[in-house]
Amino acid sequence: MEQTDEALMARVREDDADAFGRLFDRHAERAFRIAHAICRDRTRAEDAVQEGFLAIWRGRASYRPDTGSFQAWSMRIVKNRAIDSSRHVAAHPRTQSSDAYDDRPQADPDSVTPQDEMIARSQRDELLGSLGRLPEAQAEVIVLAFYGELSHSEIAARLGLPPGTVKGRMRLGLEKLRREMDAPS
């Protein structure tokens, strides 16, 4: 009989590496999808998943099942690692994307001023911070829609949810983001 995430995590808290490996196998694909939707780069997404699960192993004693599921807790950790990676890249831009193929339109470098770059970076950091404060379920569908460029039906299929649930989570999350972004600083 398959053990629950919480039962495996109880074993992990007792330093059971096999139980941790089973949790990783169970959740790594979803973690990668979330990280890749944020990072938009396969290598950085893989690194975010690896760093996230390393943080989970190191912080295994801090897991409290009474505050939420293992999946929500672990995906929040991975999402935060991916956001940190994106912030780092935004603060230290490279001249070329590390993805093999990036078809996003590129701005004319002569028309972008340092002030424009600073404003764009500030707005992106603010948005990523706001996403980090949303409930996991709402943030996940927003990240997959906007960063992963998936439709509601594609998100529903990936997450195994009814389309109405995806739309509801999206609506609630976007309303919270809008209120937070419109709030006076």
Protein backbone atom coordinates (compact mmCIF):
# COMPACT_ATOMS: atom_id res chain seq x y z
CA MET A 1 0.00 0.00 0.00
CA GLU A 2 1.29 3.43 -0.98
CA GLN A 3 2.15 5.71 1.93
CA THR A 4 0.81 9.26 2.07
CA ASP A 5 3.13 12.22 1.68
CA GLU A 6 2.68 13.01 5.35
CA ALA A 7 3.61 9.44 6.40
CA LEU A 8 6.71 9.59 4.19
CA MET A 9 7.59 12.99 5.60
CA ALA A 10 7.36 11.59 9.13
CA ARG A 11 10.00 9.05 8.08
CA VAL A 12 12.07 11.81 6.44
CA ARG A 13 12.05 13.74 9.71
CA GLU A 14 13.77 10.66 11.17
CA ASP A 15 16.50 10.92 8.48
CA ASP A 16 15.05 8.28 6.12
CA ALA A 17 16.65 9.11 2.77
CA ASP A 18 14.64 6.42 0.96
CA ALA A 19 11.37 8.06 2.01
CA PHE A 20 12.74 11.41 0.84
CA GLY A 21 13.62 9.88 -2.53
CA ARG A 22 10.05 8.62 -2.88
CA LEU A 23 8.71 12.11 -2.12
CA PHE A 24 11.08 13.60 -4.68
CA ASP A 25 10.01 11.07 -7.32
CA ARG A 26 6.36 11.85 -6.58
CA HIS A 27 6.67 15.65 -6.78
CA ALA A 28 9.69 16.48 -8.95
CA GLU A 29 7.75 16.77 -12.22
CA ARG A 30 5.22 19.23 -10.79
CA ALA A 31 8.03 21.16 -9.09
CA PHE A 32 9.86 21.41 -12.41
CA ARG A 33 6.76 22.69 -14.22
CA ILE A 34 6.32 25.42 -11.62
CA ALA A 35 10.00 26.38 -11.64
CA HIS A 36 10.22 26.36 -15.44
CA ALA A 37 7.11 28.53 -15.73
CA ILE A 38 8.82 31.11 -13.51
CA CYS A 39 12.41 30.83 -14.74
CA ARG A 40 11.65 30.24 -18.43
CA ASP A 41 14.95 28.39 -18.57
CA ARG A 42 15.34 24.62 -18.25
CA THR A 43 18.70 24.67 -16.47
CA ARG A 44 17.68 27.31 -13.93
CA ALA A 45 14.39 25.47 -13.34
CA GLU A 46 16.26 22.22 -12.68
CA ASP A 47 18.57 24.09 -10.31
CA ALA A 48 15.59 25.62 -8.50
CA VAL A 49 14.04 22.17 -8.02
CA GLN A 50 17.33 20.75 -6.77
CA GLU A 51 17.89 23.68 -4.40
CA GLY A 52 14.28 23.50 -3.25
CA PHE A 53 14.44 19.81 -2.39
CA LEU A 54 17.80 20.29 -0.72
CA ALA A 55 16.17 22.99 1.42
CA ILE A 56 13.30 20.59 2.16
CA TRP A 57 15.78 17.94 3.33
CA ARG A 58 17.68 20.44 5.45
CA GLY A 59 14.48 21.93 6.87
CA ARG A 60 12.68 18.60 7.35
CA ALA A 61 12.33 19.20 11.08
CA SER A 62 10.34 22.38 10.42
CA TYR A 63 7.60 20.64 8.42
CA ARG A 64 4.26 20.73 10.25
CA PRO A 65 1.47 18.71 8.61
CA ASP A 66 -1.16 20.56 10.66
CA THR A 67 -0.44 23.77 8.69
CA GLY A 68 -0.82 22.29 5.21
CA SER A 69 -0.03 19.42 2.92
CA PHE A 70 3.49 18.36 2.04
CA GLN A 71 2.77 19.16 -1.60
CA ALA A 72 1.77 22.76 -0.87
CA TRP A 73 4.73 23.25 1.50
CA SER A 74 7.29 21.75 -0.87
CA MET A 75 5.98 23.53 -3.98
CA ARG A 76 6.09 26.85 -2.13
CA ILE A 77 9.77 26.22 -1.32
CA VAL A 78 10.57 25.35 -4.95
CA LYS A 79 8.56 28.34 -6.22
CA ASN A 80 10.51 30.64 -3.90
CA ARG A 81 13.82 29.23 -5.17
CA ALA A 82 12.67 29.84 -8.76
CA ILE A 83 11.62 33.40 -7.92
CA ASP A 84 15.01 34.01 -6.29
CA SER A 85 16.71 32.69 -9.43
CA SER A 86 14.62 34.98 -11.64
CA ARG A 87 15.41 37.96 -9.46
CA HIS A 88 19.10 37.14 -9.66
CA VAL A 89 18.95 36.95 -13.45
CA ALA A 90 17.00 40.23 -13.61
CA ALA A 91 19.65 41.89 -11.46
CA HIS A 92 22.49 40.39 -13.53
CA PRO A 93 21.17 40.20 -17.11
CA ARG A 94 23.15 38.29 -19.72
CA THR A 95 23.30 39.18 -23.37
CA GLN A 96 21.85 35.84 -24.49
CA SER A 97 19.18 33.50 -23.12
CA SER A 98 20.47 30.11 -22.03
CA ASP A 99 17.40 28.39 -23.51
CA ALA A 100 18.19 26.84 -26.88
CA TYR A 101 15.26 28.64 -28.50
CA ASP A 102 13.69 31.84 -27.27
CA ASP A 103 11.16 33.39 -29.64
CA ARG A 104 10.14 36.30 -27.42
CA PRO A 105 10.53 39.67 -29.14
CA GLN A 106 13.73 41.42 -28.16
CA ALA A 107 13.82 45.17 -27.53
CA ASP A 108 16.12 47.32 -29.58
CA PRO A 109 19.09 47.77 -27.21
CA ASP A 110 19.60 51.36 -28.35
CA SER A 111 16.02 52.33 -27.40
CA VAL A 112 16.12 50.95 -23.83
CA THR A 113 17.50 53.38 -21.28
CA PRO A 114 18.98 52.39 -17.91
CA GLN A 115 15.97 54.07 -16.31
CA ASP A 116 13.60 51.86 -18.38
CA GLU A 117 15.52 48.76 -17.29
CA MET A 118 15.39 49.82 -13.64
CA ILE A 119 11.63 50.45 -13.77
CA ALA A 120 10.96 47.15 -15.54
CA ARG A 121 13.10 45.25 -13.02
CA SER A 122 11.36 46.95 -10.09
CA GLN A 123 7.91 46.11 -11.50
CA ARG A 124 8.92 42.51 -12.13
CA ASP A 125 10.31 42.12 -8.61
CA GLU A 126 7.11 43.62 -7.19
CA LEU A 127 4.98 41.21 -9.21
CA LEU A 128 7.08 38.18 -8.24
CA GLY A 129 6.88 39.22 -4.59
CA SER A 130 3.10 39.54 -4.85
CA LEU A 131 2.87 36.10 -6.46
CA GLY A 132 4.86 34.70 -3.56
CA ARG A 133 2.20 35.96 -1.13
CA LEU A 134 -0.73 34.33 -2.93
CA PRO A 135 -2.11 30.97 -1.82
CA GLU A 136 -0.17 28.19 -3.58
CA ALA A 137 -3.12 26.97 -5.67
CA GLN A 138 -3.82 30.47 -7.05
CA ALA A 139 -0.16 31.29 -7.71
CA GLU A 140 0.35 27.99 -9.51
CA VAL A 141 -2.40 28.59 -12.10
CA ILE A 142 -1.30 32.20 -12.65
CA VAL A 143 2.33 31.19 -13.13
CA LEU A 144 1.37 28.44 -15.58
CA ALA A 145 -0.90 30.81 -17.51
CA PHE A 146 1.36 33.83 -17.76
CA TYR A 147 4.88 32.47 -17.51
CA GLY A 148 4.09 29.04 -18.97
CA GLU A 149 1.73 30.55 -21.57
CA LEU A 150 -0.84 27.78 -21.06
CA SER A 151 -4.58 28.08 -21.63
CA HIS A 152 -7.14 27.33 -18.91
CA SER A 153 -7.87 23.95 -20.47
CA GLU A 154 -4.15 23.09 -20.72
CA ILE A 155 -3.65 24.03 -17.06
CA ALA A 156 -6.68 21.94 -16.09
CA ALA A 157 -5.29 18.94 -17.96
CA ARG A 158 -1.79 19.33 -16.46
CA LEU A 159 -3.03 19.69 -12.91
CA GLY A 160 -5.88 17.20 -13.20
CA LEU A 161 -8.48 19.82 -12.23
CA PRO A 162 -11.84 20.80 -13.70
CA PRO A 163 -11.56 23.89 -15.96
CA GLY A 164 -13.97 25.77 -13.70
CA THR A 165 -11.64 25.27 -10.73
CA VAL A 166 -8.72 26.64 -12.73
CA LYS A 167 -10.76 29.67 -13.80
CA GLY A 168 -11.92 30.29 -10.24
CA ARG A 169 -8.40 30.10 -8.84
CA MET A 170 -7.18 32.37 -11.62
CA ARG A 171 -9.91 34.94 -10.98
CA LEU A 172 -9.34 34.99 -7.21
CA GLY A 173 -5.57 35.21 -7.59
CA LEU A 174 -5.72 37.99 -10.17
CA GLU A 175 -8.16 39.96 -8.01
CA LYS A 176 -5.75 39.70 -5.05
CA LEU A 177 -2.81 40.73 -7.24
CA ARG A 178 -4.77 43.67 -8.64
CA ARG A 179 -5.74 44.87 -5.15
CA GLU A 180 -2.17 44.56 -3.93
CA MET A 181 -0.70 46.30 -6.96
CA ASP A 182 -3.28 49.12 -6.78
CA ALA A 183 -2.79 49.65 -3.03
CA PRO A 184 -0.91 52.87 -2.19
CA SER A 185 2.68 52.24 -1.15
